[in-house]
Amino acid sequence: MNINSWQLNDYLNRFLFISTNSTFIKSTNETHLCLLECSFELSNSENLHQISFHRPIHLDFSIQFTNGTSLIIPRTHVSLYHCERMALNCTSCLQLDPSFGCIWCNNMCTFKSQTIISQFICPNSQECLSPMIETIEPLLLPMNGGILVTIKGNHFDLFNLSIYLADVPRHLIEDESSNNKIVCQSGDAGSIPCTGFIRLKFGVNGP
């Protein structure tokens, strides 16, 4: 049997990548080993917009023969991913697996090679800017909670954000929050009036 093409597809058959310009290279060290160099083109793009890409999608590598049969090559999973959709902020971007090659640049998470194509100037040091708090409203809250508190500032990262007002945990309202505004709901502080500081914890290892 002759090989017609090499293919990449997921188990739900949402994607089908077909090889182009395939080249075999025989190994000089192993008798039964050869290397395959090829490019892949997406043949069915109608399902692409339906995928969120919040996590990598694993594709199987298979051989399509000229008689119509195919053979999946075991243990050859290929990951299909999108840096910008997997991480919407700086902290989550830098916590992705380094093998993905995603970096934080131009205020978004992007593939490192893409920054060269787009001619973005990215900092060599991959660090998230420190958050800054400017205003907090209101400053007086009822002890039984239930009031929305707005914290305004800069460089807020909502990824794994923990909020404490006077050591009482608060619930983040994600739909109304952004990188320069945090909206949270005050909780029950008990029966004794108290004062305290606001404490924000950004991510697992963040400030």
N, C-alpha and C. Protein backbone atom coordinates (compact mmCIF):
# COMPACT_ATOMS: atom_id res chain seq x y z
N MET A 1 0.84 -1.20 0.00
CA MET A 1 0.00 0.00 0.00
C MET A 1 0.87 1.25 0.00
N ASN A 2 0.43 2.25 -0.72
CA ASN A 2 1.15 3.52 -0.77
C ASN A 2 0.48 4.54 0.14
N ILE A 3 1.29 5.45 0.66
CA ILE A 3 0.77 6.49 1.55
C ILE A 3 0.21 7.64 0.73
N ASN A 4 -1.02 8.02 1.05
CA ASN A 4 -1.65 9.15 0.37
C ASN A 4 -1.34 10.47 1.08
N SER A 5 -1.45 10.48 2.42
CA SER A 5 -1.17 11.69 3.18
C SER A 5 -1.01 11.35 4.66
N TRP A 6 -0.46 12.32 5.40
CA TRP A 6 -0.41 12.26 6.85
C TRP A 6 -1.46 13.22 7.37
N GLN A 7 -2.13 12.83 8.46
CA GLN A 7 -3.24 13.64 8.95
C GLN A 7 -3.17 13.86 10.45
N LEU A 8 -3.73 14.99 10.88
CA LEU A 8 -3.91 15.29 12.30
C LEU A 8 -5.40 15.57 12.51
N ASN A 9 -6.02 14.88 13.46
CA ASN A 9 -7.42 15.15 13.77
C ASN A 9 -7.71 14.81 15.22
N ASP A 10 -8.75 15.46 15.78
CA ASP A 10 -9.13 15.17 17.16
C ASP A 10 -10.16 14.05 17.17
N TYR A 11 -10.41 13.49 18.36
CA TYR A 11 -11.27 12.32 18.45
C TYR A 11 -12.73 12.63 18.14
N LEU A 12 -13.12 13.92 18.16
CA LEU A 12 -14.48 14.31 17.80
C LEU A 12 -14.61 14.67 16.32
N ASN A 13 -13.49 14.56 15.60
CA ASN A 13 -13.46 14.86 14.16
C ASN A 13 -13.90 16.30 13.85
N ARG A 14 -13.54 17.22 14.76
CA ARG A 14 -13.84 18.63 14.50
C ARG A 14 -12.79 19.27 13.61
N PHE A 15 -11.56 18.72 13.66
CA PHE A 15 -10.46 19.27 12.88
C PHE A 15 -9.86 18.18 12.01
N LEU A 16 -9.40 18.58 10.85
CA LEU A 16 -8.66 17.67 9.99
C LEU A 16 -7.55 18.47 9.29
N PHE A 17 -6.32 18.16 9.67
CA PHE A 17 -5.16 18.78 9.04
C PHE A 17 -4.52 17.75 8.11
N ILE A 18 -4.28 18.14 6.87
CA ILE A 18 -3.69 17.24 5.88
C ILE A 18 -2.29 17.74 5.53
N SER A 19 -1.35 16.81 5.43
CA SER A 19 0.05 17.16 5.20
C SER A 19 0.28 17.69 3.79
N THR A 20 1.25 18.57 3.68
CA THR A 20 1.71 19.08 2.38
C THR A 20 3.23 19.06 2.37
N ASN A 21 3.81 18.86 1.21
CA ASN A 21 5.28 18.89 1.05
C ASN A 21 5.98 17.93 2.02
N SER A 22 5.50 16.68 2.06
CA SER A 22 6.09 15.69 2.97
C SER A 22 7.45 15.22 2.46
N THR A 23 8.39 15.07 3.40
CA THR A 23 9.73 14.59 3.05
C THR A 23 10.20 13.61 4.11
N PHE A 24 10.68 12.43 3.68
CA PHE A 24 11.23 11.44 4.59
C PHE A 24 12.74 11.60 4.66
N ILE A 25 13.26 11.51 5.88
CA ILE A 25 14.71 11.57 6.09
C ILE A 25 15.11 10.34 6.90
N LYS A 26 15.96 9.50 6.34
CA LYS A 26 16.40 8.29 7.04
C LYS A 26 17.39 8.65 8.13
N SER A 27 17.24 7.98 9.26
CA SER A 27 18.15 8.20 10.38
C SER A 27 19.50 7.56 10.10
N THR A 28 20.55 8.23 10.48
CA THR A 28 21.90 7.69 10.29
C THR A 28 22.31 6.78 11.44
N ASN A 29 21.54 6.82 12.54
CA ASN A 29 21.90 6.03 13.72
C ASN A 29 21.04 4.78 13.90
N GLU A 30 19.77 4.85 13.48
CA GLU A 30 18.84 3.74 13.68
C GLU A 30 18.41 3.18 12.32
N THR A 31 18.44 1.85 12.19
CA THR A 31 18.10 1.20 10.92
C THR A 31 16.63 1.37 10.56
N HIS A 32 15.75 1.23 11.54
CA HIS A 32 14.31 1.25 11.28
C HIS A 32 13.67 2.59 11.69
N LEU A 33 14.46 3.63 11.73
CA LEU A 33 13.94 4.93 12.13
C LEU A 33 14.08 5.93 10.99
N CYS A 34 13.01 6.69 10.76
CA CYS A 34 13.08 7.76 9.77
C CYS A 34 12.36 8.98 10.32
N LEU A 35 12.70 10.13 9.80
CA LEU A 35 12.10 11.38 10.23
C LEU A 35 11.19 11.92 9.13
N LEU A 36 10.10 12.55 9.54
CA LEU A 36 9.15 13.11 8.60
C LEU A 36 9.12 14.62 8.76
N GLU A 37 9.34 15.33 7.67
CA GLU A 37 9.21 16.78 7.66
C GLU A 37 8.05 17.15 6.74
N CYS A 38 7.09 17.90 7.28
CA CYS A 38 5.95 18.30 6.45
C CYS A 38 5.23 19.47 7.09
N SER A 39 4.40 20.12 6.31
CA SER A 39 3.51 21.16 6.79
C SER A 39 2.09 20.64 6.75
N PHE A 40 1.22 21.25 7.56
CA PHE A 40 -0.17 20.81 7.60
C PHE A 40 -1.10 21.97 7.28
N GLU A 41 -2.13 21.68 6.53
CA GLU A 41 -3.16 22.67 6.20
C GLU A 41 -4.50 22.20 6.74
N LEU A 42 -5.26 23.13 7.31
CA LEU A 42 -6.59 22.82 7.84
C LEU A 42 -7.57 22.67 6.68
N SER A 43 -8.21 21.50 6.60
CA SER A 43 -9.11 21.24 5.47
C SER A 43 -10.57 21.54 5.78
N ASN A 44 -10.94 21.56 7.07
CA ASN A 44 -12.34 21.88 7.43
C ASN A 44 -12.34 22.93 8.54
N SER A 45 -12.50 24.17 8.17
CA SER A 45 -12.41 25.28 9.12
C SER A 45 -13.77 25.74 9.64
N GLU A 46 -14.87 25.09 9.22
CA GLU A 46 -16.19 25.56 9.62
C GLU A 46 -16.45 25.39 11.11
N ASN A 47 -15.75 24.45 11.77
CA ASN A 47 -15.96 24.22 13.20
C ASN A 47 -15.00 25.03 14.07
N LEU A 48 -14.07 25.73 13.46
CA LEU A 48 -13.02 26.39 14.21
C LEU A 48 -13.57 27.46 15.14
N HIS A 49 -14.57 28.22 14.69
CA HIS A 49 -15.10 29.32 15.50
C HIS A 49 -15.90 28.83 16.70
N GLN A 50 -16.26 27.55 16.73
CA GLN A 50 -17.05 27.01 17.83
C GLN A 50 -16.20 26.56 19.01
N ILE A 51 -14.89 26.54 18.84
CA ILE A 51 -13.99 26.05 19.88
C ILE A 51 -13.44 27.22 20.68
N SER A 52 -13.51 27.12 22.01
CA SER A 52 -13.07 28.22 22.87
C SER A 52 -11.55 28.28 22.99
N PHE A 53 -10.87 27.13 22.89
CA PHE A 53 -9.41 27.04 23.04
C PHE A 53 -8.95 27.53 24.41
N HIS A 54 -9.79 27.36 25.45
CA HIS A 54 -9.37 27.71 26.80
C HIS A 54 -8.31 26.73 27.33
N ARG A 55 -8.21 25.59 26.68
CA ARG A 55 -7.16 24.62 27.01
C ARG A 55 -6.71 23.95 25.71
N PRO A 56 -5.52 23.36 25.69
CA PRO A 56 -5.02 22.73 24.46
C PRO A 56 -5.92 21.58 24.01
N ILE A 57 -5.98 21.38 22.70
CA ILE A 57 -6.72 20.27 22.12
C ILE A 57 -5.71 19.28 21.56
N HIS A 58 -5.85 18.02 21.96
CA HIS A 58 -4.90 16.99 21.53
C HIS A 58 -5.36 16.35 20.22
N LEU A 59 -4.45 16.29 19.27
CA LEU A 59 -4.74 15.71 17.96
C LEU A 59 -3.96 14.41 17.78
N ASP A 60 -4.58 13.45 17.09
CA ASP A 60 -3.91 12.19 16.78
C ASP A 60 -3.22 12.28 15.42
N PHE A 61 -2.07 11.64 15.33
CA PHE A 61 -1.28 11.61 14.10
C PHE A 61 -1.57 10.30 13.39
N SER A 62 -2.01 10.35 12.14
CA SER A 62 -2.40 9.13 11.43
C SER A 62 -1.89 9.15 9.99
N ILE A 63 -1.86 7.94 9.40
CA ILE A 63 -1.46 7.77 8.00
C ILE A 63 -2.70 7.42 7.19
N GLN A 64 -2.90 8.11 6.08
CA GLN A 64 -4.00 7.81 5.17
C GLN A 64 -3.41 7.13 3.93
N PHE A 65 -3.83 5.88 3.68
CA PHE A 65 -3.31 5.13 2.54
C PHE A 65 -4.16 5.36 1.29
N THR A 66 -3.60 5.02 0.15
CA THR A 66 -4.29 5.25 -1.12
C THR A 66 -5.53 4.39 -1.29
N ASN A 67 -5.63 3.27 -0.55
CA ASN A 67 -6.82 2.42 -0.65
C ASN A 67 -7.95 2.87 0.27
N GLY A 68 -7.76 4.02 0.96
CA GLY A 68 -8.82 4.56 1.81
C GLY A 68 -8.71 4.20 3.27
N THR A 69 -7.85 3.26 3.63
CA THR A 69 -7.68 2.89 5.03
C THR A 69 -6.72 3.87 5.72
N SER A 70 -6.79 3.90 7.05
CA SER A 70 -5.93 4.79 7.82
C SER A 70 -5.38 4.07 9.03
N LEU A 71 -4.28 4.57 9.56
CA LEU A 71 -3.62 3.97 10.72
C LEU A 71 -3.18 5.09 11.66
N ILE A 72 -3.68 5.05 12.91
CA ILE A 72 -3.28 6.04 13.92
C ILE A 72 -1.94 5.62 14.52
N ILE A 73 -0.98 6.53 14.53
CA ILE A 73 0.32 6.25 15.12
C ILE A 73 0.22 6.44 16.63
N PRO A 74 0.47 5.41 17.44
CA PRO A 74 0.31 5.54 18.90
C PRO A 74 1.34 6.48 19.51
N ARG A 75 0.92 7.10 20.63
CA ARG A 75 1.79 7.97 21.44
C ARG A 75 2.38 9.12 20.63
N THR A 76 1.58 9.68 19.74
CA THR A 76 2.05 10.82 18.94
C THR A 76 1.06 11.98 19.02
N HIS A 77 0.57 12.26 20.21
CA HIS A 77 -0.38 13.36 20.37
C HIS A 77 0.28 14.70 20.05
N VAL A 78 -0.41 15.50 19.29
CA VAL A 78 0.03 16.85 18.96
C VAL A 78 -0.97 17.83 19.57
N SER A 79 -0.48 18.89 20.21
CA SER A 79 -1.36 19.85 20.88
C SER A 79 -1.66 21.04 19.98
N LEU A 80 -2.94 21.37 19.88
CA LEU A 80 -3.39 22.56 19.15
C LEU A 80 -3.87 23.56 20.19
N TYR A 81 -3.28 24.76 20.20
CA TYR A 81 -3.62 25.71 21.26
C TYR A 81 -3.56 27.14 20.73
N HIS A 82 -4.09 28.06 21.55
CA HIS A 82 -4.15 29.47 21.19
C HIS A 82 -3.79 30.26 22.44
N CYS A 83 -2.60 30.88 22.45
CA CYS A 83 -2.11 31.56 23.65
C CYS A 83 -3.10 32.60 24.17
N GLU A 84 -3.62 33.43 23.28
CA GLU A 84 -4.47 34.54 23.70
C GLU A 84 -5.76 34.05 24.35
N ARG A 85 -6.28 32.91 23.90
CA ARG A 85 -7.53 32.41 24.46
C ARG A 85 -7.31 31.58 25.72
N MET A 86 -6.12 31.03 25.89
CA MET A 86 -5.84 30.25 27.10
C MET A 86 -5.56 31.15 28.29
N ALA A 87 -5.14 32.38 28.04
CA ALA A 87 -4.79 33.29 29.12
C ALA A 87 -5.22 34.71 28.76
N LEU A 88 -6.11 35.27 29.56
CA LEU A 88 -6.65 36.60 29.27
C LEU A 88 -5.92 37.70 30.02
N ASN A 89 -4.94 37.34 30.86
CA ASN A 89 -4.21 38.35 31.61
C ASN A 89 -2.77 37.91 31.81
N CYS A 90 -1.98 38.81 32.38
CA CYS A 90 -0.54 38.59 32.49
C CYS A 90 -0.20 37.38 33.37
N THR A 91 -0.80 37.31 34.55
CA THR A 91 -0.47 36.23 35.48
C THR A 91 -0.77 34.86 34.90
N SER A 92 -1.97 34.69 34.34
CA SER A 92 -2.33 33.39 33.78
C SER A 92 -1.47 33.05 32.57
N CYS A 93 -1.03 34.06 31.82
CA CYS A 93 -0.17 33.82 30.66
C CYS A 93 1.18 33.26 31.09
N LEU A 94 1.79 33.87 32.11
CA LEU A 94 3.12 33.45 32.55
C LEU A 94 3.08 32.14 33.32
N GLN A 95 1.89 31.69 33.72
CA GLN A 95 1.77 30.42 34.43
C GLN A 95 1.46 29.25 33.49
N LEU A 96 1.36 29.52 32.18
CA LEU A 96 1.17 28.44 31.21
C LEU A 96 2.43 27.60 31.10
N ASP A 97 2.28 26.39 30.60
CA ASP A 97 3.42 25.50 30.39
C ASP A 97 4.43 26.20 29.47
N PRO A 98 5.70 26.31 29.89
CA PRO A 98 6.71 26.99 29.06
C PRO A 98 6.87 26.39 27.67
N SER A 99 6.52 25.10 27.51
CA SER A 99 6.68 24.46 26.20
C SER A 99 5.75 25.06 25.15
N PHE A 100 4.69 25.78 25.58
CA PHE A 100 3.79 26.42 24.62
C PHE A 100 4.44 27.63 23.96
N GLY A 101 5.44 28.22 24.60
CA GLY A 101 6.10 29.38 24.01
C GLY A 101 5.25 30.64 24.03
N CYS A 102 4.35 30.76 25.01
CA CYS A 102 3.50 31.94 25.12
C CYS A 102 4.18 32.99 25.99
N ILE A 103 4.12 34.25 25.58
CA ILE A 103 4.68 35.35 26.36
C ILE A 103 3.67 36.48 26.45
N TRP A 104 3.84 37.36 27.44
CA TRP A 104 2.97 38.51 27.61
C TRP A 104 3.60 39.70 26.88
N CYS A 105 2.91 40.20 25.86
CA CYS A 105 3.46 41.27 25.04
C CYS A 105 2.32 42.07 24.42
N ASN A 106 2.50 43.38 24.34
CA ASN A 106 1.49 44.26 23.73
C ASN A 106 0.14 44.10 24.42
N ASN A 107 0.20 43.91 25.75
CA ASN A 107 -0.99 43.78 26.60
C ASN A 107 -1.85 42.57 26.24
N MET A 108 -1.21 41.48 25.79
CA MET A 108 -1.94 40.25 25.52
C MET A 108 -0.97 39.07 25.56
N CYS A 109 -1.55 37.88 25.73
CA CYS A 109 -0.76 36.65 25.72
C CYS A 109 -0.65 36.18 24.28
N THR A 110 0.57 36.01 23.80
CA THR A 110 0.75 35.68 22.39
C THR A 110 1.90 34.70 22.22
N PHE A 111 1.91 34.01 21.09
CA PHE A 111 2.98 33.06 20.78
C PHE A 111 4.25 33.85 20.47
N LYS A 112 5.37 33.40 21.02
CA LYS A 112 6.61 34.17 20.92
C LYS A 112 7.00 34.46 19.48
N SER A 113 6.88 33.47 18.59
CA SER A 113 7.26 33.68 17.19
C SER A 113 6.34 34.68 16.51
N GLN A 114 5.08 34.78 16.97
CA GLN A 114 4.14 35.71 16.36
C GLN A 114 4.54 37.15 16.60
N THR A 115 5.21 37.42 17.72
CA THR A 115 5.63 38.79 18.03
C THR A 115 6.67 39.27 17.02
N ILE A 116 7.48 38.35 16.50
CA ILE A 116 8.48 38.73 15.50
C ILE A 116 7.80 39.07 14.18
N ILE A 117 6.79 38.24 13.80
CA ILE A 117 6.06 38.49 12.56
C ILE A 117 5.31 39.81 12.63
N SER A 118 4.70 40.09 13.79
CA SER A 118 3.91 41.32 13.96
C SER A 118 4.78 42.52 14.32
N GLN A 119 6.08 42.29 14.50
CA GLN A 119 7.05 43.35 14.82
C GLN A 119 6.71 44.04 16.14
N PHE A 120 6.22 43.26 17.12
CA PHE A 120 5.99 43.80 18.45
C PHE A 120 7.33 43.91 19.18
N ILE A 121 7.47 44.96 19.98
CA ILE A 121 8.65 45.11 20.83
C ILE A 121 8.27 44.63 22.22
N CYS A 122 8.80 43.48 22.62
CA CYS A 122 8.43 42.86 23.89
C CYS A 122 9.59 42.96 24.88
N PRO A 123 9.29 43.16 26.16
CA PRO A 123 10.36 43.22 27.16
C PRO A 123 11.03 41.87 27.33
N ASN A 124 12.36 41.89 27.54
CA ASN A 124 13.09 40.64 27.75
C ASN A 124 12.70 40.00 29.08
N SER A 125 12.42 40.84 30.08
CA SER A 125 12.02 40.34 31.39
C SER A 125 10.51 40.14 31.41
N GLN A 126 10.08 38.88 31.54
CA GLN A 126 8.66 38.57 31.55
C GLN A 126 8.13 38.65 32.98
N GLU A 127 7.71 39.85 33.37
CA GLU A 127 7.14 40.07 34.70
C GLU A 127 5.88 40.90 34.57
N CYS A 128 4.90 40.60 35.42
CA CYS A 128 3.66 41.36 35.41
C CYS A 128 3.86 42.65 36.21
N LEU A 129 3.26 43.74 35.75
CA LEU A 129 3.37 45.02 36.45
C LEU A 129 2.65 44.93 37.79
N SER A 130 3.21 45.58 38.80
CA SER A 130 2.63 45.55 40.14
C SER A 130 1.32 46.32 40.16
N PRO A 131 0.29 45.77 40.80
CA PRO A 131 -1.00 46.46 40.88
C PRO A 131 -0.92 47.70 41.77
N MET A 132 -1.72 48.72 41.45
CA MET A 132 -1.76 49.95 42.23
C MET A 132 -3.21 50.30 42.53
N ILE A 133 -3.52 50.56 43.81
CA ILE A 133 -4.86 50.94 44.23
C ILE A 133 -4.93 52.46 44.35
N GLU A 134 -5.96 53.07 43.74
CA GLU A 134 -6.13 54.52 43.79
C GLU A 134 -7.30 54.92 44.68
N THR A 135 -8.46 54.30 44.51
CA THR A 135 -9.62 54.66 45.32
C THR A 135 -10.40 53.42 45.72
N ILE A 136 -11.10 53.53 46.87
CA ILE A 136 -11.98 52.47 47.36
C ILE A 136 -13.29 53.13 47.77
N GLU A 137 -14.40 52.64 47.23
CA GLU A 137 -15.72 53.20 47.56
C GLU A 137 -16.73 52.06 47.72
N PRO A 138 -17.57 52.14 48.77
CA PRO A 138 -17.54 53.08 49.90
C PRO A 138 -16.54 52.61 50.96
N LEU A 139 -16.23 53.50 51.90
CA LEU A 139 -15.30 53.16 52.98
C LEU A 139 -16.02 52.68 54.23
N LEU A 140 -17.32 52.95 54.33
CA LEU A 140 -18.12 52.49 55.46
C LEU A 140 -19.11 51.44 54.97
N LEU A 141 -19.13 50.27 55.63
CA LEU A 141 -19.97 49.16 55.18
C LEU A 141 -20.80 48.63 56.34
N PRO A 142 -22.03 48.18 56.08
CA PRO A 142 -22.83 47.55 57.13
C PRO A 142 -22.23 46.21 57.52
N MET A 143 -22.37 45.83 58.79
CA MET A 143 -21.74 44.61 59.28
C MET A 143 -22.35 43.35 58.67
N ASN A 144 -23.61 43.42 58.23
CA ASN A 144 -24.23 42.22 57.66
C ASN A 144 -23.90 42.02 56.18
N GLY A 145 -23.12 42.93 55.58
CA GLY A 145 -22.63 42.75 54.22
C GLY A 145 -23.68 43.01 53.15
N GLY A 146 -23.37 42.51 51.93
CA GLY A 146 -24.29 42.65 50.82
C GLY A 146 -24.11 43.89 49.98
N ILE A 147 -23.13 44.75 50.31
CA ILE A 147 -22.90 46.00 49.58
C ILE A 147 -21.77 45.80 48.57
N LEU A 148 -21.93 46.38 47.37
CA LEU A 148 -20.88 46.31 46.36
C LEU A 148 -19.80 47.34 46.66
N VAL A 149 -18.55 46.89 46.62
CA VAL A 149 -17.39 47.74 46.86
C VAL A 149 -16.60 47.85 45.56
N THR A 150 -16.25 49.07 45.17
CA THR A 150 -15.50 49.30 43.94
C THR A 150 -14.09 49.77 44.27
N ILE A 151 -13.10 49.04 43.76
CA ILE A 151 -11.69 49.37 43.96
C ILE A 151 -11.12 49.76 42.60
N LYS A 152 -10.65 51.01 42.47
CA LYS A 152 -10.10 51.48 41.20
C LYS A 152 -8.59 51.63 41.30
N GLY A 153 -7.92 51.37 40.18
CA GLY A 153 -6.46 51.46 40.14
C GLY A 153 -5.93 51.03 38.79
N ASN A 154 -4.77 50.37 38.80
CA ASN A 154 -4.13 49.94 37.55
C ASN A 154 -3.48 48.57 37.73
N HIS A 155 -3.35 47.85 36.61
CA HIS A 155 -2.64 46.57 36.53
C HIS A 155 -3.26 45.49 37.41
N PHE A 156 -4.58 45.52 37.55
CA PHE A 156 -5.26 44.46 38.29
C PHE A 156 -5.33 43.21 37.43
N ASP A 157 -5.09 42.07 38.05
CA ASP A 157 -5.14 40.78 37.37
C ASP A 157 -6.18 39.93 38.08
N LEU A 158 -7.24 39.55 37.38
CA LEU A 158 -8.36 38.86 38.01
C LEU A 158 -8.14 37.36 38.14
N PHE A 159 -7.00 36.85 37.66
CA PHE A 159 -6.74 35.42 37.69
C PHE A 159 -6.43 34.98 39.13
N ASN A 160 -7.26 34.08 39.67
CA ASN A 160 -7.09 33.57 41.04
C ASN A 160 -6.99 34.71 42.06
N LEU A 161 -7.82 35.72 41.90
CA LEU A 161 -7.79 36.88 42.79
C LEU A 161 -8.54 36.59 44.09
N SER A 162 -7.90 36.89 45.22
CA SER A 162 -8.55 36.78 46.54
C SER A 162 -8.65 38.18 47.13
N ILE A 163 -9.82 38.51 47.71
CA ILE A 163 -10.07 39.85 48.23
C ILE A 163 -10.47 39.75 49.70
N TYR A 164 -9.83 40.57 50.53
CA TYR A 164 -10.17 40.62 51.95
C TYR A 164 -10.33 42.08 52.37
N LEU A 165 -11.46 42.40 53.01
CA LEU A 165 -11.69 43.72 53.58
C LEU A 165 -11.81 43.54 55.09
N ALA A 166 -10.86 44.14 55.82
CA ALA A 166 -10.81 43.98 57.28
C ALA A 166 -10.79 42.49 57.64
N ASP A 167 -9.97 41.73 56.90
CA ASP A 167 -9.77 40.29 57.12
C ASP A 167 -11.01 39.44 56.84
N VAL A 168 -12.03 40.02 56.21
CA VAL A 168 -13.23 39.27 55.83
C VAL A 168 -13.18 39.03 54.33
N PRO A 169 -13.25 37.76 53.87
CA PRO A 169 -13.18 37.48 52.42
C PRO A 169 -14.38 38.07 51.68
N ARG A 170 -14.12 38.56 50.46
CA ARG A 170 -15.16 39.18 49.64
C ARG A 170 -15.31 38.42 48.33
N HIS A 171 -16.50 38.51 47.75
CA HIS A 171 -16.81 37.80 46.50
C HIS A 171 -16.59 38.73 45.31
N LEU A 172 -15.74 38.31 44.36
CA LEU A 172 -15.46 39.11 43.17
C LEU A 172 -16.63 39.05 42.20
N ILE A 173 -17.04 40.22 41.68
CA ILE A 173 -18.05 40.30 40.63
C ILE A 173 -17.30 40.43 39.30
N GLU A 174 -17.03 39.29 38.65
CA GLU A 174 -16.15 39.28 37.48
C GLU A 174 -16.72 40.08 36.31
N ASP A 175 -18.03 40.03 36.11
CA ASP A 175 -18.63 40.70 34.95
C ASP A 175 -18.45 42.21 34.99
N GLU A 176 -18.25 42.78 36.18
CA GLU A 176 -18.11 44.23 36.32
C GLU A 176 -16.67 44.64 36.60
N SER A 177 -15.74 43.68 36.63
CA SER A 177 -14.35 43.97 36.96
C SER A 177 -13.48 43.95 35.71
N SER A 178 -12.33 44.63 35.79
CA SER A 178 -11.40 44.71 34.67
C SER A 178 -9.99 44.91 35.22
N ASN A 179 -9.04 45.24 34.32
CA ASN A 179 -7.66 45.42 34.78
C ASN A 179 -7.45 46.73 35.52
N ASN A 180 -8.46 47.62 35.54
CA ASN A 180 -8.33 48.86 36.31
C ASN A 180 -9.49 49.08 37.28
N LYS A 181 -10.33 48.06 37.46
CA LYS A 181 -11.44 48.18 38.41
C LYS A 181 -11.82 46.80 38.95
N ILE A 182 -11.95 46.72 40.26
CA ILE A 182 -12.39 45.49 40.92
C ILE A 182 -13.69 45.78 41.65
N VAL A 183 -14.71 45.01 41.36
CA VAL A 183 -15.99 45.14 42.05
C VAL A 183 -16.23 43.86 42.85
N CYS A 184 -16.46 44.01 44.14
CA CYS A 184 -16.69 42.84 45.00
C CYS A 184 -17.87 43.12 45.92
N GLN A 185 -18.39 42.06 46.51
CA GLN A 185 -19.52 42.19 47.42
C GLN A 185 -19.06 41.94 48.84
N SER A 186 -19.41 42.85 49.74
CA SER A 186 -18.99 42.71 51.13
C SER A 186 -19.70 41.55 51.80
N GLY A 187 -19.00 40.91 52.74
CA GLY A 187 -19.57 39.76 53.44
C GLY A 187 -19.97 40.12 54.86
N ASP A 188 -20.48 39.12 55.56
CA ASP A 188 -20.93 39.31 56.94
C ASP A 188 -19.71 39.42 57.86
N ALA A 189 -19.59 40.54 58.57
CA ALA A 189 -18.45 40.78 59.45
C ALA A 189 -18.74 40.41 60.89
N GLY A 190 -19.90 39.84 61.17
CA GLY A 190 -20.24 39.48 62.54
C GLY A 190 -20.99 40.59 63.25
N SER A 191 -21.03 40.52 64.57
CA SER A 191 -21.83 41.46 65.36
C SER A 191 -21.02 42.57 66.00
N ILE A 192 -19.68 42.52 65.86
CA ILE A 192 -18.82 43.53 66.49
C ILE A 192 -18.25 44.45 65.42
N PRO A 193 -18.45 45.77 65.51
CA PRO A 193 -17.88 46.71 64.53
C PRO A 193 -16.36 46.59 64.51
N CYS A 194 -15.77 46.72 63.32
CA CYS A 194 -14.32 46.60 63.20
C CYS A 194 -13.82 47.47 62.06
N THR A 195 -12.54 47.75 62.10
CA THR A 195 -11.86 48.46 61.02
C THR A 195 -10.69 47.62 60.55
N GLY A 196 -10.22 47.89 59.35
CA GLY A 196 -9.09 47.11 58.84
C GLY A 196 -8.69 47.56 57.46
N PHE A 197 -7.72 46.85 56.91
CA PHE A 197 -7.16 47.17 55.60
C PHE A 197 -7.81 46.32 54.52
N ILE A 198 -7.64 46.75 53.29
CA ILE A 198 -8.03 45.93 52.15
C ILE A 198 -6.79 45.15 51.69
N ARG A 199 -6.98 43.87 51.42
CA ARG A 199 -5.86 43.03 51.00
C ARG A 199 -6.26 42.27 49.74
N LEU A 200 -5.45 42.41 48.69
CA LEU A 200 -5.68 41.73 47.42
C LEU A 200 -4.54 40.75 47.18
N LYS A 201 -4.89 39.52 46.83
CA LYS A 201 -3.89 38.51 46.51
C LYS A 201 -4.09 38.10 45.06
N PHE A 202 -3.10 38.41 44.20
CA PHE A 202 -3.21 38.14 42.77
C PHE A 202 -2.49 36.85 42.42
N GLY A 203 -3.25 35.83 42.05
CA GLY A 203 -2.65 34.57 41.64
C GLY A 203 -2.06 33.80 42.81
N VAL A 204 -1.46 32.65 42.47
CA VAL A 204 -0.87 31.79 43.50
C VAL A 204 0.39 32.41 44.07
N ASN A 205 1.23 32.96 43.19
CA ASN A 205 2.51 33.53 43.62
C ASN A 205 2.57 35.04 43.43
N GLY A 206 1.43 35.66 43.15
CA GLY A 206 1.42 37.09 42.87
C GLY A 206 1.49 37.94 44.12
N PRO A 207 1.60 39.27 43.95
CA PRO A 207 1.69 40.18 45.09
C PRO A 207 0.37 40.31 45.83
